[in-house]
């Protein structure tokens, strides 16, 4: 399970460091104009990543993502949890 969490964090950092005009980042930031159906909200991938970040008690994750070495050490800590 920790390996999956670490891979999610690796991809999350990779997407956030991408150029704004890349297709992957455009799809990631896109939000549909439709409303979701009633009932329990479905978990999104981004929600899982952000809950992992809060469980690891990382407060300045936006600054950490820009620094690759610091982000890599945080991902390493996620593997060891």
N, C-alpha and C. Protein backbone atom coordinates (compact mmCIF):
# COMPACT_ATOMS: atom_id res chain seq x y z
N UNK A 1 0.82 -1.20 0.00
CA UNK A 1 0.00 0.00 0.00
C UNK A 1 0.86 1.26 0.00
N UNK A 2 1.98 1.23 0.71
CA UNK A 2 2.85 2.41 0.76
C UNK A 2 3.50 2.68 -0.59
N UNK A 3 3.73 1.62 -1.35
CA UNK A 3 4.31 1.79 -2.68
C UNK A 3 3.32 2.53 -3.60
N UNK A 4 2.05 2.20 -3.46
CA UNK A 4 1.02 2.87 -4.26
C UNK A 4 0.94 4.35 -3.87
N UNK A 5 0.99 4.61 -2.58
CA UNK A 5 0.95 5.99 -2.10
C UNK A 5 2.14 6.78 -2.63
N UNK A 6 3.31 6.16 -2.62
CA UNK A 6 4.51 6.84 -3.10
C UNK A 6 4.40 7.11 -4.60
N UNK A 7 3.89 6.16 -5.37
CA UNK A 7 3.75 6.36 -6.80
C UNK A 7 2.75 7.47 -7.12
N UNK A 8 1.67 7.55 -6.32
CA UNK A 8 0.71 8.64 -6.49
C UNK A 8 1.38 9.98 -6.26
N UNK A 9 2.21 10.06 -5.22
CA UNK A 9 2.90 11.31 -4.92
C UNK A 9 3.92 11.66 -5.99
N UNK A 10 4.60 10.66 -6.54
CA UNK A 10 5.55 10.91 -7.62
C UNK A 10 4.83 11.51 -8.82
N UNK A 11 3.72 10.90 -9.21
CA UNK A 11 2.98 11.40 -10.39
C UNK A 11 2.39 12.78 -10.11
N UNK A 12 1.90 13.01 -8.89
CA UNK A 12 1.34 14.30 -8.50
C UNK A 12 2.40 15.40 -8.66
N UNK A 13 3.60 15.14 -8.18
CA UNK A 13 4.67 16.11 -8.32
C UNK A 13 5.05 16.33 -9.77
N UNK A 14 5.08 15.24 -10.53
CA UNK A 14 5.43 15.33 -11.95
C UNK A 14 4.43 16.20 -12.71
N UNK A 15 3.15 15.99 -12.46
CA UNK A 15 2.11 16.76 -13.16
C UNK A 15 2.18 18.23 -12.77
N UNK A 16 2.42 18.51 -11.50
CA UNK A 16 2.47 19.91 -11.07
C UNK A 16 3.68 20.65 -11.62
N UNK A 17 4.77 19.93 -11.91
CA UNK A 17 5.95 20.58 -12.47
C UNK A 17 5.87 20.72 -13.99
N UNK A 18 4.89 20.12 -14.64
CA UNK A 18 4.77 20.19 -16.09
C UNK A 18 4.48 21.62 -16.55
N UNK A 19 4.77 21.84 -17.82
CA UNK A 19 4.45 23.13 -18.42
C UNK A 19 2.93 23.29 -18.52
N UNK A 20 2.46 24.52 -18.44
CA UNK A 20 1.02 24.76 -18.44
C UNK A 20 0.35 24.39 -19.75
N UNK A 21 1.10 24.32 -20.84
CA UNK A 21 0.48 24.00 -22.12
C UNK A 21 0.53 22.51 -22.45
N UNK A 22 1.03 21.66 -21.54
CA UNK A 22 1.06 20.22 -21.83
C UNK A 22 -0.35 19.63 -21.71
N UNK A 23 -0.62 18.62 -22.52
CA UNK A 23 -1.96 18.04 -22.57
C UNK A 23 -2.34 17.39 -21.23
N UNK A 24 -1.39 16.73 -20.59
CA UNK A 24 -1.69 16.05 -19.32
C UNK A 24 -2.11 17.07 -18.26
N UNK A 25 -1.41 18.18 -18.19
CA UNK A 25 -1.76 19.20 -17.20
C UNK A 25 -3.10 19.85 -17.52
N UNK A 26 -3.39 20.04 -18.80
CA UNK A 26 -4.69 20.59 -19.18
C UNK A 26 -5.82 19.66 -18.76
N UNK A 27 -5.64 18.37 -18.95
CA UNK A 27 -6.66 17.39 -18.56
C UNK A 27 -6.79 17.36 -17.05
N UNK A 28 -5.68 17.43 -16.33
CA UNK A 28 -5.69 17.42 -14.86
C UNK A 28 -6.45 18.62 -14.30
N UNK A 29 -6.25 19.78 -14.89
CA UNK A 29 -6.87 21.00 -14.38
C UNK A 29 -8.28 21.23 -14.92
N UNK A 30 -8.70 20.46 -15.92
CA UNK A 30 -10.01 20.63 -16.52
C UNK A 30 -11.11 20.25 -15.53
N UNK A 31 -12.17 21.02 -15.50
CA UNK A 31 -13.32 20.66 -14.66
C UNK A 31 -14.56 20.66 -15.54
N UNK A 32 -15.33 19.59 -15.50
CA UNK A 32 -16.51 19.50 -16.37
C UNK A 32 -17.59 20.49 -15.94
N UNK A 33 -18.43 20.86 -16.87
CA UNK A 33 -19.49 21.82 -16.58
C UNK A 33 -20.73 21.12 -16.01
N UNK A 34 -20.74 19.82 -16.02
CA UNK A 34 -21.89 19.07 -15.52
C UNK A 34 -21.85 18.94 -14.01
N UNK A 35 -23.02 18.69 -13.45
CA UNK A 35 -23.10 18.46 -12.00
C UNK A 35 -23.05 16.97 -11.75
N UNK A 36 -22.54 16.59 -10.60
CA UNK A 36 -22.52 15.18 -10.22
C UNK A 36 -23.89 14.75 -9.73
N UNK A 37 -24.14 13.47 -9.82
CA UNK A 37 -25.42 12.95 -9.37
C UNK A 37 -25.50 12.99 -7.84
N UNK A 38 -26.70 12.86 -7.33
CA UNK A 38 -26.90 12.87 -5.89
C UNK A 38 -26.33 11.60 -5.26
N UNK A 39 -26.10 11.68 -3.99
CA UNK A 39 -25.57 10.52 -3.27
C UNK A 39 -24.18 10.80 -2.74
N UNK A 40 -23.56 9.73 -2.32
CA UNK A 40 -22.22 9.86 -1.76
C UNK A 40 -21.23 10.28 -2.85
N UNK A 41 -20.40 11.29 -2.59
CA UNK A 41 -19.45 11.72 -3.61
C UNK A 41 -18.38 10.65 -3.85
N UNK A 42 -18.00 10.48 -5.08
CA UNK A 42 -16.98 9.50 -5.44
C UNK A 42 -15.61 10.08 -5.10
N UNK A 43 -14.73 9.22 -4.64
CA UNK A 43 -13.37 9.66 -4.36
C UNK A 43 -12.64 9.93 -5.67
N UNK A 44 -11.98 11.07 -5.71
CA UNK A 44 -11.17 11.40 -6.87
C UNK A 44 -9.71 11.09 -6.54
N UNK A 45 -8.92 10.93 -7.57
CA UNK A 45 -7.50 10.64 -7.40
C UNK A 45 -6.83 11.77 -6.63
N UNK A 46 -7.18 12.99 -6.96
CA UNK A 46 -6.58 14.15 -6.30
C UNK A 46 -6.94 14.19 -4.82
N UNK A 47 -8.14 13.78 -4.46
CA UNK A 47 -8.54 13.74 -3.06
C UNK A 47 -7.69 12.74 -2.28
N UNK A 48 -7.42 11.59 -2.89
CA UNK A 48 -6.57 10.59 -2.25
C UNK A 48 -5.15 11.12 -2.04
N UNK A 49 -4.63 11.81 -3.02
CA UNK A 49 -3.27 12.35 -2.91
C UNK A 49 -3.21 13.41 -1.82
N UNK A 50 -4.19 14.29 -1.80
CA UNK A 50 -4.18 15.35 -0.79
C UNK A 50 -4.39 14.79 0.61
N UNK A 51 -5.16 13.71 0.75
CA UNK A 51 -5.29 13.10 2.07
C UNK A 51 -3.98 12.43 2.48
N UNK A 52 -3.24 11.86 1.53
CA UNK A 52 -1.92 11.32 1.84
C UNK A 52 -0.99 12.42 2.33
N UNK A 53 -1.04 13.56 1.68
CA UNK A 53 -0.19 14.69 2.05
C UNK A 53 -0.53 15.18 3.45
N UNK A 54 -1.82 15.25 3.78
CA UNK A 54 -2.19 15.72 5.12
C UNK A 54 -1.84 14.68 6.18
N UNK A 55 -1.94 13.39 5.85
CA UNK A 55 -1.54 12.35 6.81
C UNK A 55 -0.06 12.40 7.10
N UNK A 56 0.72 12.79 6.10
CA UNK A 56 2.17 12.90 6.29
C UNK A 56 2.55 14.22 6.95
N UNK A 57 1.56 15.08 7.19
CA UNK A 57 1.74 16.38 7.85
C UNK A 57 2.68 17.30 7.07
N UNK A 58 2.47 17.35 5.76
CA UNK A 58 3.22 18.26 4.89
C UNK A 58 2.37 19.50 4.69
N UNK A 59 2.86 20.63 5.14
CA UNK A 59 2.06 21.85 5.05
C UNK A 59 2.39 22.67 3.81
N UNK A 60 3.64 22.67 3.39
CA UNK A 60 4.06 23.51 2.27
C UNK A 60 4.33 22.66 1.03
N UNK A 61 3.37 21.84 0.64
CA UNK A 61 3.60 20.89 -0.45
C UNK A 61 3.78 21.58 -1.79
N UNK A 62 3.20 22.76 -1.98
CA UNK A 62 3.36 23.46 -3.26
C UNK A 62 4.80 23.91 -3.45
N UNK A 63 5.45 24.32 -2.38
CA UNK A 63 6.86 24.70 -2.47
C UNK A 63 7.76 23.47 -2.60
N UNK A 64 7.39 22.40 -1.93
CA UNK A 64 8.19 21.18 -1.97
C UNK A 64 8.17 20.55 -3.36
N UNK A 65 7.07 20.64 -4.06
CA UNK A 65 6.97 20.03 -5.38
C UNK A 65 7.95 20.68 -6.35
N UNK A 66 8.15 21.97 -6.24
CA UNK A 66 9.06 22.66 -7.16
C UNK A 66 10.51 22.23 -6.98
N UNK A 67 10.86 21.84 -5.76
CA UNK A 67 12.22 21.37 -5.47
C UNK A 67 12.23 19.84 -5.58
N UNK A 68 12.81 19.32 -6.64
CA UNK A 68 12.75 17.88 -6.91
C UNK A 68 13.40 17.04 -5.82
N UNK A 69 14.53 17.49 -5.29
CA UNK A 69 15.22 16.68 -4.28
C UNK A 69 14.41 16.61 -2.99
N UNK A 70 13.82 17.72 -2.61
CA UNK A 70 13.00 17.72 -1.40
C UNK A 70 11.76 16.85 -1.59
N UNK A 71 11.14 16.93 -2.76
CA UNK A 71 9.96 16.11 -3.04
C UNK A 71 10.33 14.62 -3.05
N UNK A 72 11.52 14.32 -3.57
CA UNK A 72 11.96 12.93 -3.62
C UNK A 72 12.17 12.37 -2.21
N UNK A 73 12.67 13.18 -1.29
CA UNK A 73 12.84 12.71 0.09
C UNK A 73 11.49 12.50 0.76
N UNK A 74 10.50 13.35 0.45
CA UNK A 74 9.16 13.16 1.01
C UNK A 74 8.50 11.90 0.47
N UNK A 75 8.72 11.61 -0.82
CA UNK A 75 8.19 10.38 -1.40
C UNK A 75 8.87 9.17 -0.75
N UNK A 76 10.15 9.28 -0.47
CA UNK A 76 10.87 8.21 0.22
C UNK A 76 10.31 7.97 1.61
N UNK A 77 9.93 9.03 2.30
CA UNK A 77 9.32 8.88 3.63
C UNK A 77 7.96 8.20 3.52
N UNK A 78 7.23 8.48 2.43
CA UNK A 78 5.93 7.84 2.23
C UNK A 78 6.08 6.34 2.03
N UNK A 79 7.17 5.91 1.39
CA UNK A 79 7.41 4.48 1.21
C UNK A 79 7.68 3.79 2.53
N UNK A 80 8.31 4.50 3.46
CA UNK A 80 8.69 3.90 4.73
C UNK A 80 7.60 3.94 5.79
N UNK A 81 6.51 4.66 5.53
CA UNK A 81 5.43 4.74 6.54
C UNK A 81 4.65 3.48 6.64
